[in-house]
């Protein structure tokens, strides 16, 4: 199976945020929910060198590191000591409705 790109995570991530009552989800929970939803396989599930996480989980964290969805105005990110939280914006909700 082809590897999942960071760009391919945008809509599923927004859907997960939007399904939350508050529209907010921690990065840790987002990784878990996207892993269940998208069922990554092959190289995406390989463990990173000198790490304990997968290439797929790194791509999800890259949504924050690269400001992928925040720069588009689709979500905001609030850092916290454990993992931080993403919150879908009104623009993110409108983007989902247009897809």
Protein backbone atom coordinates (compact mmCIF):
# COMPACT_ATOMS: atom_id res chain seq x y z
CA UNK A 1 0.00 0.00 0.00
CA UNK A 2 1.18 3.54 -0.73
CA UNK A 3 2.43 5.64 2.14
CA UNK A 4 0.06 8.21 3.59
CA UNK A 5 1.22 11.78 3.02
CA UNK A 6 0.96 14.61 5.50
CA UNK A 7 -1.44 16.36 3.11
CA UNK A 8 -3.72 13.31 3.13
CA UNK A 9 -4.06 13.70 6.91
CA UNK A 10 -5.68 17.14 6.73
CA UNK A 11 -9.31 16.17 6.04
CA UNK A 12 -9.33 13.13 8.38
CA UNK A 13 -7.74 15.23 11.14
CA UNK A 14 -10.36 17.95 10.71
CA UNK A 15 -13.13 15.32 10.77
CA UNK A 16 -11.77 13.91 14.03
CA UNK A 17 -11.60 17.39 15.57
CA UNK A 18 -15.08 18.22 14.32
CA UNK A 19 -16.51 15.02 15.82
CA UNK A 20 -15.42 16.15 19.28
CA UNK A 21 -18.06 18.07 21.23
CA UNK A 22 -15.61 20.92 21.83
CA UNK A 23 -13.92 20.63 18.43
CA UNK A 24 -10.65 20.05 20.29
CA UNK A 25 -8.39 17.00 20.47
CA UNK A 26 -4.94 16.36 21.91
CA UNK A 27 -2.13 15.42 19.58
CA UNK A 28 -1.88 12.07 21.37
CA UNK A 29 -5.57 11.31 20.82
CA UNK A 30 -5.38 12.54 17.22
CA UNK A 31 -2.55 10.09 16.52
CA UNK A 32 -4.57 7.26 18.05
CA UNK A 33 -7.80 8.09 16.23
CA UNK A 34 -6.11 8.63 12.85
CA UNK A 35 -4.21 5.36 13.22
CA UNK A 36 -7.52 3.56 13.81
CA UNK A 37 -9.30 5.43 11.03
CA UNK A 38 -6.62 5.30 8.35
CA UNK A 39 -5.08 1.92 9.18
CA UNK A 40 -1.52 2.73 8.06
CA UNK A 41 0.57 -0.23 6.90
CA UNK A 42 4.04 -1.02 5.67
CA UNK A 43 6.65 1.67 6.00
CA UNK A 44 4.19 4.05 7.72
CA UNK A 45 4.12 1.62 10.65
CA UNK A 46 7.87 1.18 10.88
CA UNK A 47 9.51 2.52 14.02
CA UNK A 48 11.72 5.56 13.58
CA UNK A 49 15.43 5.16 14.31
CA UNK A 50 16.27 5.84 17.96
CA UNK A 51 12.57 6.46 18.72
CA UNK A 52 9.57 4.50 19.94
CA UNK A 53 7.02 5.94 17.54
CA UNK A 54 6.09 5.17 13.96
CA UNK A 55 6.62 7.15 10.79
CA UNK A 56 2.84 7.62 10.65
CA UNK A 57 2.66 9.14 14.14
CA UNK A 58 5.50 11.48 13.17
CA UNK A 59 3.47 12.67 10.17
CA UNK A 60 0.54 13.45 12.47
CA UNK A 61 2.85 15.40 14.80
CA UNK A 62 4.19 17.19 11.71
CA UNK A 63 0.74 18.75 11.27
CA UNK A 64 1.87 20.94 14.17
CA UNK A 65 5.62 21.05 13.48
CA UNK A 66 5.03 22.22 9.91
CA UNK A 67 1.94 24.27 10.91
CA UNK A 68 0.17 22.47 8.08
CA UNK A 69 -3.40 23.12 9.17
CA UNK A 70 -2.86 26.20 11.31
CA UNK A 71 -1.30 28.23 8.49
CA UNK A 72 -4.32 27.37 6.36
CA UNK A 73 -6.57 28.72 9.15
CA UNK A 74 -8.32 25.35 9.44
CA UNK A 75 -7.39 24.76 13.08
CA UNK A 76 -5.56 26.35 15.97
CA UNK A 77 -2.94 24.68 18.15
CA UNK A 78 -2.56 25.25 21.86
CA UNK A 79 0.64 23.89 23.39
CA UNK A 80 0.58 22.20 26.77
CA UNK A 81 3.14 20.23 28.78
CA UNK A 82 2.02 16.83 27.48
CA UNK A 83 1.06 17.03 23.82
CA UNK A 84 -0.90 20.16 22.93
CA UNK A 85 -4.36 20.38 21.41
CA UNK A 86 -5.81 21.12 18.02
CA UNK A 87 -9.14 22.95 17.71
CA UNK A 88 -11.03 23.16 14.44
CA UNK A 89 -11.89 26.72 13.34
CA UNK A 90 -15.01 27.94 11.56
CA UNK A 91 -12.90 27.99 8.39
CA UNK A 92 -11.98 24.36 9.02
CA UNK A 93 -15.66 23.45 9.38
CA UNK A 94 -16.48 25.28 6.16
CA UNK A 95 -13.58 23.53 4.41
CA UNK A 96 -14.96 20.14 5.49
CA UNK A 97 -18.41 21.02 4.18
CA UNK A 98 -16.92 21.95 0.80
CA UNK A 99 -15.23 18.53 0.42
